[in-house]
Amino acid sequence: MIRPVILAAAAAALLMLPGAACAQGGARVAQAFKKMDANGDGVITLDEWTNAGRKEAGFRRIDANGDGKITLQELQAALAQARSR
C-alpha cells in the first residue's frame, strides 16, 4: 500500500519542472536524473539520492535489481508503473 504512494511522490517530485507536454516528460525525467547524478557516472547512488532530499525507502523501491544504484531505466520504469496505478 505504501509503495504506490512513494512512487507517486517520487514521480511528482521529479516532474515538477516547467512544461506540461507528455513528450517533454521523458526529457524532464532525464534532466532531473542528471541533476541527481552528482558525479556524472550514469547512476544514482543512495548517497546521491538522499543528498537530493529523497528518502531511502523510495530508493530501495526504485532500485529494481537491488544493486545499490538507480539507472535512468529503473527510474523511468518506476515512474511509468506509478502513473499506471
C-alpha atoms as a PDB file:
ATOM      1  CA  MET A   1       0.000   0.000   0.000  1.00  0.00           C
ATOM      2  CA  ILE A   2       2.810   2.414   0.827  1.00  0.00           C
ATOM      3  CA  ARG A   3       4.741   1.559  -2.354  1.00  0.00           C
ATOM      4  CA  PRO A   4       2.356   3.319  -4.784  1.00  0.00           C
ATOM      5  CA  VAL A   5       2.356   6.391  -2.559  1.00  0.00           C
ATOM      6  CA  ILE A   6       6.165   6.552  -2.500  1.00  0.00           C
ATOM      7  CA  LEU A   7       6.438   6.013  -6.245  1.00  0.00           C
ATOM      8  CA  ALA A   8       3.768   8.626  -6.915  1.00  0.00           C
ATOM      9  CA  ALA A   9       5.570  11.082  -4.637  1.00  0.00           C
ATOM     10  CA  ALA A  10       8.854  10.407  -6.438  1.00  0.00           C
ATOM     11  CA  ALA A  11       7.158  10.904  -9.791  1.00  0.00           C
ATOM     12  CA  ALA A  12       5.608  14.169  -8.680  1.00  0.00           C
ATOM     13  CA  ALA A  13       8.870  15.442  -7.213  1.00  0.00           C
ATOM     14  CA  LEU A  14      10.883  14.624 -10.319  1.00  0.00           C
ATOM     15  CA  LEU A  15       8.349  16.025 -12.731  1.00  0.00           C
ATOM     16  CA  MET A  16       7.891  19.410 -11.081  1.00  0.00           C
ATOM     17  CA  LEU A  17       9.887  21.113 -13.804  1.00  0.00           C
ATOM     18  CA  PRO A  18       8.272  23.567 -16.276  1.00  0.00           C
ATOM     19  CA  GLY A  19       6.337  22.215 -19.236  1.00  0.00           C
ATOM     20  CA  ALA A  20       3.286  20.028 -19.487  1.00  0.00           C
ATOM     21  CA  ALA A  21       3.603  18.132 -22.749  1.00  0.00           C
ATOM     22  CA  CYS A  22       3.870  14.364 -22.391  1.00  0.00           C
ATOM     23  CA  ALA A  23       6.734  14.219 -24.861  1.00  0.00           C
ATOM     24  CA  GLN A  24       8.692  16.532 -22.590  1.00  0.00           C
ATOM     25  CA  GLY A  25       8.043  14.257 -19.602  1.00  0.00           C
ATOM     26  CA  GLY A  26      10.839  11.884 -20.579  1.00  0.00           C
ATOM     27  CA  ALA A  27      13.227  14.770 -21.095  1.00  0.00           C
ATOM     28  CA  ARG A  28      12.293  16.219 -17.704  1.00  0.00           C
ATOM     29  CA  VAL A  29      12.909  12.889 -16.007  1.00  0.00           C
ATOM     30  CA  ALA A  30      16.275  12.577 -17.749  1.00  0.00           C
ATOM     31  CA  GLN A  31      17.162  16.132 -16.734  1.00  0.00           C
ATOM     32  CA  ALA A  32      16.192  15.503 -13.098  1.00  0.00           C
ATOM     33  CA  PHE A  33      18.145  12.227 -13.159  1.00  0.00           C
ATOM     34  CA  LYS A  34      21.221  14.030 -14.459  1.00  0.00           C
ATOM     35  CA  LYS A  35      20.955  16.617 -11.660  1.00  0.00           C
ATOM     36  CA  MET A  36      20.746  13.904  -9.006  1.00  0.00           C
ATOM     37  CA  ASP A  37      23.702  12.009 -10.527  1.00  0.00           C
ATOM     38  CA  ALA A  38      26.192  14.291  -8.809  1.00  0.00           C
ATOM     39  CA  ASN A  39      29.347  12.572 -10.074  1.00  0.00           C
ATOM     40  CA  GLY A  40      28.031  12.016 -13.609  1.00  0.00           C
ATOM     41  CA  ASP A  41      28.642   8.267 -13.701  1.00  0.00           C
ATOM     42  CA  GLY A  42      25.215   7.475 -15.141  1.00  0.00           C
ATOM     43  CA  VAL A  43      23.655   6.036 -11.986  1.00  0.00           C
ATOM     44  CA  ILE A  44      22.206   7.458  -8.787  1.00  0.00           C
ATOM     45  CA  THR A  45      23.650   6.034  -5.583  1.00  0.00           C
ATOM     46  CA  LEU A  46      21.880   6.045  -2.238  1.00  0.00           C
ATOM     47  CA  ASP A  47      24.102   8.936  -1.121  1.00  0.00           C
ATOM     48  CA  GLU A  48      23.209  10.990  -4.201  1.00  0.00           C
ATOM     49  CA  TRP A  49      19.529  10.165  -3.689  1.00  0.00           C
ATOM     50  CA  THR A  50      19.461  11.182  -0.032  1.00  0.00           C
ATOM     51  CA  ASN A  51      21.657  14.246  -0.676  1.00  0.00           C
ATOM     52  CA  ALA A  52      18.935  15.369  -3.089  1.00  0.00           C
ATOM     53  CA  GLY A  53      16.460  15.249  -0.199  1.00  0.00           C
ATOM     54  CA  ARG A  54      14.853  11.912  -1.066  1.00  0.00           C
ATOM     55  CA  LYS A  55      14.071   9.150   1.413  1.00  0.00           C
ATOM     56  CA  GLU A  56      15.949   5.864   1.463  1.00  0.00           C
ATOM     57  CA  ALA A  57      12.726   3.843   1.229  1.00  0.00           C
ATOM     58  CA  GLY A  58      11.971   5.351  -2.172  1.00  0.00           C
ATOM     59  CA  PHE A  59      15.468   4.488  -3.377  1.00  0.00           C
ATOM     60  CA  ARG A  60      15.079   0.879  -2.280  1.00  0.00           C
ATOM     61  CA  ARG A  61      11.787   0.558  -4.137  1.00  0.00           C
ATOM     62  CA  ILE A  62      13.066   2.081  -7.384  1.00  0.00           C
ATOM     63  CA  ASP A  63      16.340   0.090  -7.369  1.00  0.00           C
ATOM     64  CA  ALA A  64      14.661  -2.841  -9.123  1.00  0.00           C
ATOM     65  CA  ASN A  65      17.663  -5.170  -9.218  1.00  0.00           C
ATOM     66  CA  GLY A  66      18.918  -4.281  -5.736  1.00  0.00           C
ATOM     67  CA  ASP A  67      22.444  -3.388  -6.860  1.00  0.00           C
ATOM     68  CA  GLY A  68      22.557  -0.173  -4.842  1.00  0.00           C
ATOM     69  CA  LYS A  69      22.254   2.072  -7.892  1.00  0.00           C
ATOM     70  CA  ILE A  70      19.311   3.551  -9.765  1.00  0.00           C
ATOM     71  CA  THR A  71      19.651   3.715 -13.522  1.00  0.00           C
ATOM     72  CA  LEU A  72      17.630   6.039 -15.700  1.00  0.00           C
ATOM     73  CA  GLN A  73      15.765   2.981 -16.977  1.00  0.00           C
ATOM     74  CA  GLU A  74      14.851   1.868 -13.439  1.00  0.00           C
ATOM     75  CA  LEU A  75      13.602   5.354 -12.615  1.00  0.00           C
ATOM     76  CA  GLN A  76      11.562   5.580 -15.813  1.00  0.00           C
ATOM     77  CA  ALA A  77      10.052   2.142 -15.172  1.00  0.00           C
ATOM     78  CA  ALA A  78       9.108   3.067 -11.609  1.00  0.00           C
ATOM     79  CA  LEU A  79       7.505   6.310 -12.757  1.00  0.00           C
ATOM     80  CA  ALA A  80       5.593   4.522 -15.529  1.00  0.00           C
ATOM     81  CA  GLN A  81       4.357   1.978 -13.001  1.00  0.00           C
ATOM     82  CA  ALA A  82       3.274   4.752 -10.622  1.00  0.00           C
ATOM     83  CA  ARG A  83       1.399   6.530 -13.444  1.00  0.00           C
ATOM     84  CA  SER A  84      -0.454   3.353 -14.404  1.00  0.00           C
ATOM     85  CA  ARG A  85      -1.942   2.883 -10.932  1.00  0.00           C
END
